[in-house]
Amino acid sequence: MTTLQTVQSAPRQALFHLAFPVRDLQEARAFYGGLLGCGEGRSSDEWVDFDFYGHQIVAHLAPDECGHRSQNQVDGHGVPVRHFGGILPMAEWQALADRLTAAGTTFIIEPYIRFKGQVGEQATMFFLDPSGNALEFKAFGDLSQLFAK
């Protein structure tokens, strides 16, 4: 069953669409399609759609707009202000962390447990794509903590 069929047969949920700049579409294909395993959708000479865990992200060729510029402190780490990513089940998060580590990924924030023992405890990691876009992947042992105060 394709992601689209799964989404169409699942209970209605809002999906997101995110467009972001990249410096090279082949690099984006290798990173998002190869390393992260995101299926490729439509494309042109200027952009590529990817299936990002059932959501649509679009890498647009715009080299002058790439990279992150600002950070804020969160739990003692400099978190890139402009970033996106996914919230995965814990086992899937760990498998991704292991795959990224084995691939030699340079992490901005290495995989660790943030807010340990506190409300909102979560596994998190940050890294850059080849164009300098920051990504965060996280997981919760208890998903009800996602919006807990």
N, C-alpha and C. Protein backbone atom coordinates (compact mmCIF):
# COMPACT_ATOMS: atom_id res chain seq x y z
N MET A 1 0.86 -1.17 0.00
CA MET A 1 0.00 0.00 0.00
C MET A 1 0.90 1.23 0.00
N THR A 2 0.63 2.19 -0.86
CA THR A 2 1.43 3.41 -0.92
C THR A 2 1.04 4.34 0.22
N THR A 3 1.90 5.33 0.47
CA THR A 3 1.60 6.31 1.52
C THR A 3 0.30 7.02 1.21
N LEU A 4 0.08 7.38 -0.05
CA LEU A 4 -1.15 8.08 -0.43
C LEU A 4 -2.37 7.22 -0.12
N GLN A 5 -2.31 5.92 -0.45
CA GLN A 5 -3.44 5.04 -0.15
C GLN A 5 -3.65 4.94 1.36
N THR A 6 -2.55 4.87 2.11
CA THR A 6 -2.64 4.80 3.57
C THR A 6 -3.30 6.06 4.11
N VAL A 7 -2.85 7.22 3.63
CA VAL A 7 -3.42 8.49 4.08
C VAL A 7 -4.89 8.58 3.72
N GLN A 8 -5.27 8.16 2.50
CA GLN A 8 -6.66 8.25 2.07
C GLN A 8 -7.56 7.31 2.84
N SER A 9 -7.04 6.16 3.31
CA SER A 9 -7.88 5.21 4.02
C SER A 9 -7.84 5.43 5.53
N ALA A 10 -6.93 6.26 6.01
CA ALA A 10 -6.82 6.52 7.45
C ALA A 10 -7.85 7.55 7.87
N PRO A 11 -8.15 7.60 9.18
CA PRO A 11 -9.03 8.67 9.67
C PRO A 11 -8.44 10.02 9.26
N ARG A 12 -9.30 10.97 8.95
CA ARG A 12 -8.87 12.28 8.46
C ARG A 12 -7.91 12.94 9.43
N GLN A 13 -6.76 13.34 8.94
CA GLN A 13 -5.83 14.13 9.72
C GLN A 13 -5.25 15.20 8.82
N ALA A 14 -4.91 16.32 9.40
CA ALA A 14 -4.30 17.39 8.61
C ALA A 14 -2.88 16.99 8.24
N LEU A 15 -2.52 17.25 7.00
CA LEU A 15 -1.17 16.98 6.54
C LEU A 15 -0.47 18.32 6.35
N PHE A 16 0.86 18.32 6.42
CA PHE A 16 1.54 19.58 6.16
C PHE A 16 2.34 19.51 4.87
N HIS A 17 2.60 20.69 4.35
CA HIS A 17 3.42 20.90 3.16
C HIS A 17 4.48 21.91 3.55
N LEU A 18 5.73 21.61 3.24
CA LEU A 18 6.83 22.51 3.55
C LEU A 18 7.74 22.61 2.34
N ALA A 19 7.99 23.83 1.88
CA ALA A 19 8.94 24.08 0.81
C ALA A 19 10.19 24.71 1.43
N PHE A 20 11.37 24.29 0.98
CA PHE A 20 12.61 24.79 1.57
C PHE A 20 13.69 24.85 0.48
N PRO A 21 14.69 25.71 0.67
CA PRO A 21 15.73 25.88 -0.35
C PRO A 21 16.83 24.83 -0.26
N VAL A 22 17.35 24.45 -1.41
CA VAL A 22 18.54 23.59 -1.48
C VAL A 22 19.49 24.16 -2.53
N ARG A 23 20.76 23.79 -2.41
CA ARG A 23 21.76 24.28 -3.37
C ARG A 23 21.91 23.38 -4.56
N ASP A 24 21.48 22.09 -4.42
CA ASP A 24 21.67 21.11 -5.49
C ASP A 24 20.60 20.03 -5.35
N LEU A 25 19.84 19.79 -6.41
CA LEU A 25 18.75 18.81 -6.34
C LEU A 25 19.26 17.38 -6.22
N GLN A 26 20.39 17.05 -6.83
CA GLN A 26 20.92 15.69 -6.72
C GLN A 26 21.38 15.41 -5.28
N GLU A 27 22.00 16.39 -4.64
CA GLU A 27 22.35 16.25 -3.22
C GLU A 27 21.10 16.02 -2.38
N ALA A 28 20.05 16.79 -2.68
CA ALA A 28 18.80 16.64 -1.93
C ALA A 28 18.22 15.25 -2.13
N ARG A 29 18.25 14.76 -3.37
CA ARG A 29 17.74 13.41 -3.64
C ARG A 29 18.54 12.36 -2.86
N ALA A 30 19.85 12.50 -2.84
CA ALA A 30 20.69 11.53 -2.11
C ALA A 30 20.42 11.59 -0.61
N PHE A 31 20.24 12.78 -0.08
CA PHE A 31 20.04 12.94 1.36
C PHE A 31 18.63 12.53 1.78
N TYR A 32 17.62 13.18 1.20
CA TYR A 32 16.25 12.92 1.62
C TYR A 32 15.75 11.57 1.11
N GLY A 33 16.04 11.26 -0.14
CA GLY A 33 15.61 9.98 -0.70
C GLY A 33 16.46 8.82 -0.25
N GLY A 34 17.78 9.00 -0.28
CA GLY A 34 18.70 7.92 0.06
C GLY A 34 18.87 7.72 1.55
N LEU A 35 19.46 8.69 2.24
CA LEU A 35 19.78 8.54 3.66
C LEU A 35 18.52 8.50 4.53
N LEU A 36 17.58 9.43 4.30
CA LEU A 36 16.39 9.45 5.15
C LEU A 36 15.29 8.52 4.66
N GLY A 37 15.38 8.04 3.43
CA GLY A 37 14.40 7.07 2.92
C GLY A 37 13.07 7.67 2.51
N CYS A 38 13.04 8.95 2.19
CA CYS A 38 11.80 9.61 1.76
C CYS A 38 11.55 9.33 0.28
N GLY A 39 10.40 8.78 -0.05
CA GLY A 39 10.06 8.53 -1.44
C GLY A 39 9.95 9.82 -2.23
N GLU A 40 10.32 9.74 -3.49
CA GLU A 40 10.26 10.93 -4.35
C GLU A 40 8.94 10.96 -5.10
N GLY A 41 8.36 12.15 -5.17
CA GLY A 41 7.13 12.37 -5.93
C GLY A 41 7.45 13.11 -7.21
N ARG A 42 6.62 14.08 -7.53
CA ARG A 42 6.83 14.88 -8.74
C ARG A 42 8.13 15.67 -8.63
N SER A 43 8.65 16.09 -9.78
CA SER A 43 9.84 16.93 -9.78
C SER A 43 9.94 17.70 -11.09
N SER A 44 10.83 18.66 -11.11
CA SER A 44 11.16 19.42 -12.31
C SER A 44 12.65 19.74 -12.23
N ASP A 45 13.11 20.59 -13.09
CA ASP A 45 14.51 21.03 -13.03
C ASP A 45 14.74 21.99 -11.88
N GLU A 46 13.66 22.44 -11.23
CA GLU A 46 13.75 23.46 -10.18
C GLU A 46 13.36 22.95 -8.78
N TRP A 47 12.69 21.80 -8.69
CA TRP A 47 12.20 21.31 -7.39
C TRP A 47 11.96 19.81 -7.42
N VAL A 48 11.90 19.23 -6.21
CA VAL A 48 11.61 17.80 -6.03
C VAL A 48 10.69 17.64 -4.82
N ASP A 49 9.58 16.92 -5.00
CA ASP A 49 8.69 16.55 -3.89
C ASP A 49 9.21 15.30 -3.21
N PHE A 50 9.10 15.25 -1.88
CA PHE A 50 9.44 14.05 -1.12
C PHE A 50 8.29 13.70 -0.18
N ASP A 51 8.10 12.42 0.06
CA ASP A 51 7.15 11.90 1.03
C ASP A 51 7.88 11.83 2.37
N PHE A 52 7.63 12.79 3.22
CA PHE A 52 8.29 12.92 4.51
C PHE A 52 7.35 12.38 5.59
N TYR A 53 7.37 11.07 5.77
CA TYR A 53 6.52 10.40 6.75
C TYR A 53 5.04 10.71 6.51
N GLY A 54 4.65 10.72 5.24
CA GLY A 54 3.26 10.96 4.87
C GLY A 54 2.92 12.41 4.62
N HIS A 55 3.88 13.30 4.81
CA HIS A 55 3.69 14.72 4.55
C HIS A 55 4.51 15.12 3.33
N GLN A 56 4.17 16.24 2.73
CA GLN A 56 4.86 16.66 1.51
C GLN A 56 5.88 17.75 1.82
N ILE A 57 7.14 17.45 1.52
CA ILE A 57 8.17 18.49 1.57
C ILE A 57 8.70 18.66 0.16
N VAL A 58 9.09 19.88 -0.16
CA VAL A 58 9.54 20.18 -1.51
C VAL A 58 10.86 20.93 -1.45
N ALA A 59 11.90 20.31 -2.02
CA ALA A 59 13.21 20.93 -2.11
C ALA A 59 13.24 21.80 -3.36
N HIS A 60 13.37 23.11 -3.16
CA HIS A 60 13.42 24.06 -4.28
C HIS A 60 14.86 24.51 -4.49
N LEU A 61 15.29 24.51 -5.73
CA LEU A 61 16.63 24.97 -6.07
C LEU A 61 16.70 26.48 -5.83
N ALA A 62 17.42 26.88 -4.77
CA ALA A 62 17.56 28.29 -4.39
C ALA A 62 18.82 28.43 -3.53
N PRO A 63 20.00 28.25 -4.13
CA PRO A 63 21.25 28.20 -3.36
C PRO A 63 21.49 29.42 -2.46
N ASP A 64 21.04 30.60 -2.86
CA ASP A 64 21.30 31.81 -2.07
C ASP A 64 20.46 31.89 -0.80
N GLU A 65 19.47 31.02 -0.65
CA GLU A 65 18.61 31.06 0.53
C GLU A 65 18.92 29.96 1.54
N CYS A 66 19.96 29.18 1.32
CA CYS A 66 20.26 28.01 2.15
C CYS A 66 20.96 28.38 3.46
N GLY A 67 20.86 27.47 4.41
CA GLY A 67 21.60 27.56 5.66
C GLY A 67 20.79 28.12 6.81
N HIS A 68 21.21 27.77 8.02
CA HIS A 68 20.56 28.32 9.21
C HIS A 68 21.45 29.43 9.76
N ARG A 69 20.84 30.39 10.45
CA ARG A 69 21.58 31.57 10.87
C ARG A 69 21.51 31.86 12.37
N SER A 70 20.47 31.45 13.05
CA SER A 70 20.29 31.81 14.45
C SER A 70 20.06 30.57 15.30
N GLN A 71 20.43 30.69 16.58
CA GLN A 71 20.21 29.62 17.55
C GLN A 71 19.60 30.20 18.81
N ASN A 72 18.82 29.38 19.50
CA ASN A 72 18.33 29.68 20.84
C ASN A 72 18.78 28.56 21.76
N GLN A 73 18.96 28.88 23.03
CA GLN A 73 19.37 27.87 24.00
C GLN A 73 18.16 27.09 24.49
N VAL A 74 18.24 25.77 24.39
CA VAL A 74 17.21 24.87 24.90
C VAL A 74 17.94 23.73 25.61
N ASP A 75 17.67 23.57 26.90
CA ASP A 75 18.28 22.49 27.68
C ASP A 75 19.80 22.49 27.54
N GLY A 76 20.39 23.70 27.48
CA GLY A 76 21.84 23.82 27.43
C GLY A 76 22.47 23.61 26.06
N HIS A 77 21.67 23.54 25.00
CA HIS A 77 22.17 23.33 23.65
C HIS A 77 21.72 24.47 22.74
N GLY A 78 22.54 24.83 21.77
CA GLY A 78 22.19 25.83 20.77
C GLY A 78 21.33 25.21 19.69
N VAL A 79 20.04 25.45 19.74
CA VAL A 79 19.08 24.87 18.79
C VAL A 79 18.88 25.84 17.62
N PRO A 80 19.08 25.36 16.39
CA PRO A 80 18.81 26.23 15.24
C PRO A 80 17.36 26.71 15.25
N VAL A 81 17.17 28.03 15.13
CA VAL A 81 15.81 28.57 15.16
C VAL A 81 15.01 28.04 13.97
N ARG A 82 15.56 28.11 12.78
CA ARG A 82 14.84 27.61 11.61
C ARG A 82 15.22 26.14 11.42
N HIS A 83 14.25 25.27 11.67
CA HIS A 83 14.46 23.83 11.47
C HIS A 83 13.11 23.15 11.27
N PHE A 84 13.16 21.93 10.78
CA PHE A 84 11.96 21.10 10.67
C PHE A 84 12.39 19.67 10.89
N GLY A 85 11.42 18.78 11.02
CA GLY A 85 11.76 17.38 11.25
C GLY A 85 10.53 16.56 11.50
N GLY A 86 10.72 15.48 12.23
CA GLY A 86 9.62 14.57 12.49
C GLY A 86 9.63 14.07 13.91
N ILE A 87 8.47 13.64 14.36
CA ILE A 87 8.32 12.98 15.66
C ILE A 87 8.03 11.53 15.35
N LEU A 88 8.94 10.68 15.75
CA LEU A 88 8.89 9.25 15.40
C LEU A 88 8.62 8.41 16.64
N PRO A 89 8.14 7.18 16.44
CA PRO A 89 8.12 6.23 17.55
C PRO A 89 9.56 6.00 18.02
N MET A 90 9.74 5.73 19.29
CA MET A 90 11.08 5.64 19.88
C MET A 90 11.99 4.65 19.14
N ALA A 91 11.50 3.48 18.79
CA ALA A 91 12.34 2.50 18.09
C ALA A 91 12.77 3.01 16.71
N GLU A 92 11.87 3.70 16.03
CA GLU A 92 12.20 4.25 14.71
C GLU A 92 13.21 5.40 14.84
N TRP A 93 13.05 6.22 15.89
CA TRP A 93 14.00 7.30 16.16
C TRP A 93 15.40 6.71 16.40
N GLN A 94 15.47 5.67 17.22
CA GLN A 94 16.76 5.06 17.53
C GLN A 94 17.39 4.45 16.28
N ALA A 95 16.58 3.80 15.45
CA ALA A 95 17.10 3.23 14.20
C ALA A 95 17.63 4.33 13.28
N LEU A 96 16.95 5.47 13.22
CA LEU A 96 17.43 6.59 12.41
C LEU A 96 18.72 7.15 12.99
N ALA A 97 18.78 7.32 14.30
CA ALA A 97 20.00 7.81 14.95
C ALA A 97 21.17 6.88 14.64
N ASP A 98 20.94 5.57 14.71
CA ASP A 98 21.99 4.60 14.42
C ASP A 98 22.42 4.68 12.96
N ARG A 99 21.45 4.81 12.04
CA ARG A 99 21.76 4.91 10.61
C ARG A 99 22.56 6.17 10.30
N LEU A 100 22.16 7.30 10.89
CA LEU A 100 22.87 8.56 10.68
C LEU A 100 24.28 8.49 11.24
N THR A 101 24.43 7.91 12.41
CA THR A 101 25.75 7.76 13.02
C THR A 101 26.64 6.89 12.16
N ALA A 102 26.12 5.77 11.69
CA ALA A 102 26.89 4.85 10.82
C ALA A 102 27.28 5.53 9.51
N ALA A 103 26.46 6.47 9.04
CA ALA A 103 26.75 7.17 7.79
C ALA A 103 27.74 8.32 7.99
N GLY A 104 28.16 8.54 9.24
CA GLY A 104 29.13 9.59 9.52
C GLY A 104 28.54 10.98 9.61
N THR A 105 27.25 11.07 9.90
CA THR A 105 26.58 12.37 10.02
C THR A 105 27.22 13.20 11.12
N THR A 106 27.44 14.46 10.84
CA THR A 106 27.89 15.42 11.86
C THR A 106 26.64 16.01 12.48
N PHE A 107 26.48 15.80 13.76
CA PHE A 107 25.29 16.30 14.47
C PHE A 107 25.56 17.70 15.02
N ILE A 108 24.55 18.56 14.93
CA ILE A 108 24.59 19.84 15.65
C ILE A 108 24.37 19.53 17.13
N ILE A 109 23.38 18.68 17.39
CA ILE A 109 23.12 18.15 18.73
C ILE A 109 23.01 16.65 18.59
N GLU A 110 23.95 15.93 19.20
CA GLU A 110 23.97 14.47 19.11
C GLU A 110 22.72 13.89 19.75
N PRO A 111 22.31 12.70 19.31
CA PRO A 111 21.13 12.06 19.90
C PRO A 111 21.26 11.96 21.42
N TYR A 112 20.24 12.44 22.12
CA TYR A 112 20.22 12.35 23.58
C TYR A 112 18.79 12.53 24.08
N ILE A 113 18.59 12.34 25.39
CA ILE A 113 17.29 12.55 26.01
C ILE A 113 17.26 13.95 26.62
N ARG A 114 16.36 14.78 26.10
CA ARG A 114 16.20 16.17 26.57
C ARG A 114 15.13 16.19 27.66
N PHE A 115 15.30 17.08 28.63
CA PHE A 115 14.36 17.27 29.74
C PHE A 115 14.19 15.97 30.54
N LYS A 116 15.28 15.24 30.70
CA LYS A 116 15.24 13.94 31.38
C LYS A 116 14.60 14.07 32.76
N GLY A 117 13.58 13.23 33.00
CA GLY A 117 12.88 13.23 34.28
C GLY A 117 11.91 14.38 34.48
N GLN A 118 11.72 15.21 33.44
CA GLN A 118 10.84 16.36 33.54
C GLN A 118 9.64 16.19 32.61
N VAL A 119 8.67 17.09 32.76
CA VAL A 119 7.55 17.13 31.83
C VAL A 119 8.11 17.36 30.43
N GLY A 120 7.63 16.61 29.46
CA GLY A 120 8.08 16.77 28.07
C GLY A 120 9.36 16.03 27.73
N GLU A 121 9.78 15.09 28.58
CA GLU A 121 11.00 14.31 28.28
C GLU A 121 10.91 13.73 26.87
N GLN A 122 12.01 13.87 26.12
CA GLN A 122 12.00 13.44 24.72
C GLN A 122 13.41 13.10 24.25
N ALA A 123 13.47 12.19 23.32
CA ALA A 123 14.73 11.92 22.61
C ALA A 123 14.79 12.92 21.47
N THR A 124 15.97 13.47 21.22
CA THR A 124 16.10 14.46 20.14
C THR A 124 17.48 14.39 19.52
N MET A 125 17.58 14.88 18.30
CA MET A 125 18.86 15.03 17.60
C MET A 125 18.66 16.08 16.51
N PHE A 126 19.73 16.81 16.24
CA PHE A 126 19.73 17.83 15.20
C PHE A 126 20.91 17.62 14.28
N PHE A 127 20.71 17.83 13.01
CA PHE A 127 21.78 17.74 12.02
C PHE A 127 21.38 18.58 10.81
N LEU A 128 22.33 18.79 9.91
CA LEU A 128 22.09 19.60 8.72
C LEU A 128 21.99 18.72 7.49
N ASP A 129 21.16 19.15 6.54
CA ASP A 129 21.19 18.51 5.22
C ASP A 129 22.38 19.11 4.45
N PRO A 130 22.70 18.61 3.27
CA PRO A 130 23.86 19.12 2.54
C PRO A 130 23.79 20.61 2.18
N SER A 131 22.58 21.19 2.22
CA SER A 131 22.42 22.62 1.91
C SER A 131 22.44 23.48 3.16
N GLY A 132 22.63 22.88 4.33
CA GLY A 132 22.67 23.64 5.57
C GLY A 132 21.33 23.86 6.23
N ASN A 133 20.28 23.16 5.78
CA ASN A 133 18.98 23.23 6.45
C ASN A 133 19.03 22.34 7.68
N ALA A 134 18.59 22.88 8.82
CA ALA A 134 18.62 22.12 10.07
C ALA A 134 17.38 21.25 10.19
N LEU A 135 17.61 20.01 10.62
CA LEU A 135 16.52 19.06 10.87
C LEU A 135 16.60 18.57 12.30
N GLU A 136 15.43 18.39 12.92
CA GLU A 136 15.33 17.78 14.24
C GLU A 136 14.40 16.58 14.14
N PHE A 137 14.84 15.49 14.71
CA PHE A 137 13.97 14.33 14.87
C PHE A 137 13.88 14.06 16.35
N LYS A 138 12.66 13.78 16.80
CA LYS A 138 12.45 13.52 18.22
C LYS A 138 11.50 12.36 18.41
N ALA A 139 11.47 11.86 19.62
CA ALA A 139 10.56 10.77 20.01
C ALA A 139 10.23 10.94 21.48
N PHE A 140 9.05 10.49 21.84
CA PHE A 140 8.60 10.56 23.22
C PHE A 140 8.31 9.14 23.70
N GLY A 141 8.77 8.82 24.91
CA GLY A 141 8.39 7.56 25.51
C GLY A 141 6.91 7.55 25.80
N ASP A 142 6.35 8.73 26.07
CA ASP A 142 4.93 8.92 26.35
C ASP A 142 4.45 10.07 25.47
N LEU A 143 3.80 9.75 24.36
CA LEU A 143 3.38 10.75 23.39
C LEU A 143 2.43 11.79 23.98
N SER A 144 1.77 11.47 25.10
CA SER A 144 0.88 12.45 25.73
C SER A 144 1.68 13.64 26.26
N GLN A 145 3.00 13.53 26.32
CA GLN A 145 3.87 14.62 26.79
C GLN A 145 4.18 15.62 25.68
N LEU A 146 3.73 15.37 24.45
CA LEU A 146 4.06 16.23 23.32
C LEU A 146 3.76 17.70 23.58
N PHE A 147 2.61 18.02 24.15
CA PHE A 147 2.23 19.40 24.41
C PHE A 147 2.11 19.70 25.91
N ALA A 148 2.64 18.82 26.74
CA ALA A 148 2.53 19.00 28.19
C ALA A 148 3.29 20.24 28.63
N LYS A 149 2.76 20.92 29.63
CA LYS A 149 3.40 22.14 30.17
C LYS A 149 4.13 21.83 31.44
